């Protein structure tokens, strides 16, 4: 499971790199947050 989480967070964090906001990465790890749908 750790591998899957890492693979899911890696690409998301990469896309957020330019934005500098780790919020999307955290939202992906925690689908409970409604911000997960945020672009």
C-alpha atoms as a PDB file:
ATOM      1  CA  UNK A   1       0.000   0.000   0.000  1.00  0.00           C
ATOM      2  CA  UNK A   2       2.875   2.348   0.772  1.00  0.00           C
ATOM      3  CA  UNK A   3       4.059   1.960  -2.809  1.00  0.00           C
ATOM      4  CA  UNK A   4       0.664   2.826  -4.253  1.00  0.00           C
ATOM      5  CA  UNK A   5       0.381   5.886  -2.026  1.00  0.00           C
ATOM      6  CA  UNK A   6       3.846   7.012  -3.029  1.00  0.00           C
ATOM      7  CA  UNK A   7       3.096   6.598  -6.748  1.00  0.00           C
ATOM      8  CA  UNK A   8      -0.137   8.541  -6.333  1.00  0.00           C
ATOM      9  CA  UNK A   9       1.441  11.366  -4.368  1.00  0.00           C
ATOM     10  CA  UNK A  10       4.614  11.591  -6.470  1.00  0.00           C
ATOM     11  CA  UNK A  11       2.916  12.696  -9.718  1.00  0.00           C
ATOM     12  CA  UNK A  12       0.515  14.990  -7.869  1.00  0.00           C
ATOM     13  CA  UNK A  13       3.287  16.695  -5.909  1.00  0.00           C
ATOM     14  CA  UNK A  14       5.199  17.121  -9.161  1.00  0.00           C
ATOM     15  CA  UNK A  15       2.281  18.934 -10.771  1.00  0.00           C
ATOM     16  CA  UNK A  16       1.949  21.125  -7.685  1.00  0.00           C
ATOM     17  CA  UNK A  17       5.674  21.871  -7.664  1.00  0.00           C
ATOM     18  CA  UNK A  18       5.214  25.082  -9.694  1.00  0.00           C
ATOM     19  CA  UNK A  19       2.336  26.136  -7.468  1.00  0.00           C
ATOM     20  CA  UNK A  20       4.245  25.379  -4.292  1.00  0.00           C
ATOM     21  CA  UNK A  21       1.050  24.195  -2.593  1.00  0.00           C
ATOM     22  CA  UNK A  22       1.254  20.657  -1.127  1.00  0.00           C
ATOM     23  CA  UNK A  23      -2.494  20.820  -0.543  1.00  0.00           C
ATOM     24  CA  UNK A  24      -3.439  18.722  -3.638  1.00  0.00           C
ATOM     25  CA  UNK A  25      -0.906  16.076  -2.660  1.00  0.00           C
ATOM     26  CA  UNK A  26      -2.394  15.799   0.837  1.00  0.00           C
ATOM     27  CA  UNK A  27      -5.931  15.791  -0.552  1.00  0.00           C
ATOM     28  CA  UNK A  28      -5.033  12.882  -2.818  1.00  0.00           C
ATOM     29  CA  UNK A  29      -3.738  10.930   0.167  1.00  0.00           C
ATOM     30  CA  UNK A  30      -6.871  11.865   2.131  1.00  0.00           C
ATOM     31  CA  UNK A  31      -9.871  11.623  -0.243  1.00  0.00           C
ATOM     32  CA  UNK A  32     -11.975  12.719   2.732  1.00  0.00           C
ATOM     33  CA  UNK A  33     -11.065  16.303   1.881  1.00  0.00           C
ATOM     34  CA  UNK A  34     -13.310  17.964  -0.731  1.00  0.00           C
ATOM     35  CA  UNK A  35     -10.267  19.867  -2.025  1.00  0.00           C
ATOM     36  CA  UNK A  36      -9.168  16.679  -3.759  1.00  0.00           C
ATOM     37  CA  UNK A  37     -11.214  17.777  -6.777  1.00  0.00           C
ATOM     38  CA  UNK A  38      -9.498  21.169  -6.780  1.00  0.00           C
ATOM     39  CA  UNK A  39      -7.289  21.641  -9.849  1.00  0.00           C
END
